[in-house]
Amino acid sequence: MLTLTFNGNTHNDLMAQINDFLQQSFGQALVPLTPAQTAPAPAPLPVIPVQPAPAPQMTPPPSAVPTTVPDYTHEQLGRAVAFWIDKAPDNRTKALALLSAQGVQGVTQLDTPAKRGAFAQALREQGVQV
């Protein structure tokens, strides 16, 4: 086994000693490398412009409470009451009581959208789908 020792205070001192050894031993010296030459500087990365994504369109959430009362027709209310009565005969008495609370005896006498809307709400409170 052969051990070689080189002593130097700087990189250039060590390289000079190594080159002298190689020149005397093999007739060929190394090209001295300075610390700055040991690794090439990386190429700068290309700059790619990035366009921001468009802001999402915000739609207001639908209102949970209707702002207008739907205008029910006499036919819609009549069908709902008829279906309700068909489900159970005692619902006829309840339907007449709801009409009486509106001050009328029949669906066709609900002459304003407000009265028809109030009657429809009363039906829904009884579980009737209007």
Protein backbone atom coordinates (compact mmCIF):
# COMPACT_ATOMS: atom_id res chain seq x y z
CA MET A 1 0.00 0.00 0.00
CA LEU A 2 1.28 3.44 -0.90
CA THR A 3 0.34 6.58 1.02
CA LEU A 4 0.89 10.03 -0.42
CA THR A 5 0.68 13.16 1.67
CA PHE A 6 0.42 16.68 0.31
CA ASN A 7 0.59 19.69 2.59
CA GLY A 8 -0.48 23.16 1.64
CA ASN A 9 -2.14 26.23 3.07
CA THR A 10 -4.36 26.95 0.07
CA HIS A 11 -6.05 25.14 -2.71
CA ASN A 12 -3.49 26.42 -5.20
CA ASP A 13 -0.60 25.12 -3.02
CA LEU A 14 -2.11 21.62 -2.99
CA MET A 15 -2.80 21.66 -6.71
CA ALA A 16 0.78 22.72 -7.43
CA GLN A 17 2.15 19.84 -5.33
CA ILE A 18 -0.19 17.31 -6.99
CA ASN A 19 0.72 18.58 -10.46
CA ASP A 20 4.44 18.35 -9.66
CA PHE A 21 3.99 14.76 -8.44
CA LEU A 22 1.99 13.75 -11.52
CA GLN A 23 4.46 15.45 -13.89
CA GLN A 24 7.44 13.68 -12.32
CA SER A 25 5.66 10.31 -12.01
CA PHE A 26 3.67 10.10 -15.22
CA GLY A 27 4.96 12.95 -17.36
CA GLN A 28 1.62 14.65 -17.36
CA ALA A 29 0.14 17.28 -15.02
CA LEU A 30 -3.45 18.06 -14.15
CA VAL A 31 -4.99 21.29 -15.21
CA PRO A 32 -5.30 23.23 -11.97
CA LEU A 33 -8.84 23.91 -10.93
CA THR A 34 -9.73 26.84 -8.78
CA PRO A 35 -12.71 26.52 -6.44
CA ALA A 36 -14.75 28.75 -8.74
CA GLN A 37 -14.18 26.32 -11.64
CA THR A 38 -15.30 23.15 -9.83
CA ALA A 39 -18.95 23.44 -10.86
CA PRO A 40 -20.48 25.44 -13.67
CA ALA A 41 -23.08 27.97 -12.68
CA PRO A 42 -26.62 26.74 -13.37
CA ALA A 43 -28.40 28.36 -16.26
CA PRO A 44 -31.08 30.79 -15.16
CA LEU A 45 -34.59 29.40 -15.33
CA PRO A 46 -36.88 30.96 -17.90
CA VAL A 47 -39.53 33.28 -16.54
CA ILE A 48 -42.99 32.19 -17.59
CA PRO A 49 -45.68 34.81 -17.06
CA VAL A 50 -48.62 33.50 -15.08
CA GLN A 51 -51.98 35.08 -15.54
CA PRO A 52 -54.19 34.99 -12.47
CA ALA A 53 -57.31 32.89 -12.71
CA PRO A 54 -60.50 34.90 -13.11
CA ALA A 55 -62.38 35.52 -9.91
CA PRO A 56 -65.30 33.11 -9.50
CA GLN A 57 -68.70 34.58 -10.15
CA MET A 58 -70.61 34.69 -6.91
CA THR A 59 -74.35 34.26 -7.16
CA PRO A 60 -76.34 35.23 -4.14
CA PRO A 61 -77.93 32.25 -2.40
CA PRO A 62 -81.63 31.83 -3.00
CA SER A 63 -83.79 33.40 -0.39
CA ALA A 64 -85.04 30.86 2.15
CA VAL A 65 -88.30 32.73 2.67
CA PRO A 66 -90.41 33.61 -0.37
CA THR A 67 -90.77 37.35 -0.79
CA THR A 68 -94.04 37.08 -2.69
CA VAL A 69 -97.10 34.98 -2.02
CA PRO A 70 -97.94 32.70 -4.95
CA ASP A 71 -101.41 33.24 -6.38
CA TYR A 72 -103.24 29.93 -6.23
CA THR A 73 -106.18 29.26 -8.52
CA HIS A 74 -109.52 27.96 -7.35
CA GLU A 75 -108.81 24.76 -9.31
CA GLN A 76 -105.48 24.15 -7.54
CA LEU A 77 -107.04 24.63 -4.12
CA GLY A 78 -110.11 22.53 -5.04
CA ARG A 79 -107.93 19.62 -6.21
CA ALA A 80 -105.82 19.80 -3.04
CA VAL A 81 -108.92 19.76 -0.80
CA ALA A 82 -110.52 16.92 -2.80
CA PHE A 83 -107.36 14.81 -2.55
CA TRP A 84 -107.17 15.51 1.19
CA ILE A 85 -110.80 14.51 1.76
CA ASP A 86 -110.30 11.32 -0.30
CA LYS A 87 -107.52 10.29 2.08
CA ALA A 88 -109.81 10.42 5.13
CA PRO A 89 -113.53 11.31 5.26
CA ASP A 90 -113.18 13.27 8.51
CA ASN A 91 -110.92 15.75 6.63
CA ARG A 92 -114.14 17.15 5.08
CA THR A 93 -115.09 18.65 8.46
CA LYS A 94 -111.58 20.11 8.81
CA ALA A 95 -111.73 21.60 5.31
CA LEU A 96 -115.07 23.27 6.05
CA ALA A 97 -113.61 24.69 9.28
CA LEU A 98 -110.63 26.14 7.34
CA LEU A 99 -112.99 27.73 4.80
CA SER A 100 -115.15 29.09 7.62
CA ALA A 101 -112.07 30.67 9.20
CA GLN A 102 -111.64 32.61 5.93
CA GLY A 103 -115.29 33.72 6.11
CA VAL A 104 -116.41 31.67 3.11
CA GLN A 105 -118.33 28.46 2.47
CA GLY A 106 -116.49 27.24 -0.64
CA VAL A 107 -113.15 27.53 -2.40
CA THR A 108 -114.63 29.60 -5.23
CA GLN A 109 -115.52 32.31 -2.71
CA LEU A 110 -111.85 32.95 -1.90
CA ASP A 111 -111.89 36.08 -4.06
CA THR A 112 -108.45 37.62 -3.39
CA PRO A 113 -104.90 36.29 -3.75
CA ALA A 114 -104.36 37.00 -0.05
CA LYS A 115 -107.35 34.84 0.97
CA ARG A 116 -106.33 32.04 -1.39
CA GLY A 117 -102.75 32.23 -0.05
CA ALA A 118 -103.93 32.11 3.58
CA PHE A 119 -106.16 29.11 2.82
CA ALA A 120 -103.28 27.34 1.04
CA GLN A 121 -101.06 27.97 4.05
CA ALA A 122 -103.73 26.58 6.38
CA LEU A 123 -103.94 23.47 4.19
CA ARG A 124 -100.15 23.03 4.28
CA GLU A 125 -100.24 23.27 8.07
CA GLN A 126 -102.59 20.25 7.97
CA GLY A 127 -100.07 18.34 5.84
CA VAL A 128 -101.85 18.90 2.52
CA GLN A 129 -99.61 19.36 -0.52
CA VAL A 130 -100.86 22.34 -2.52
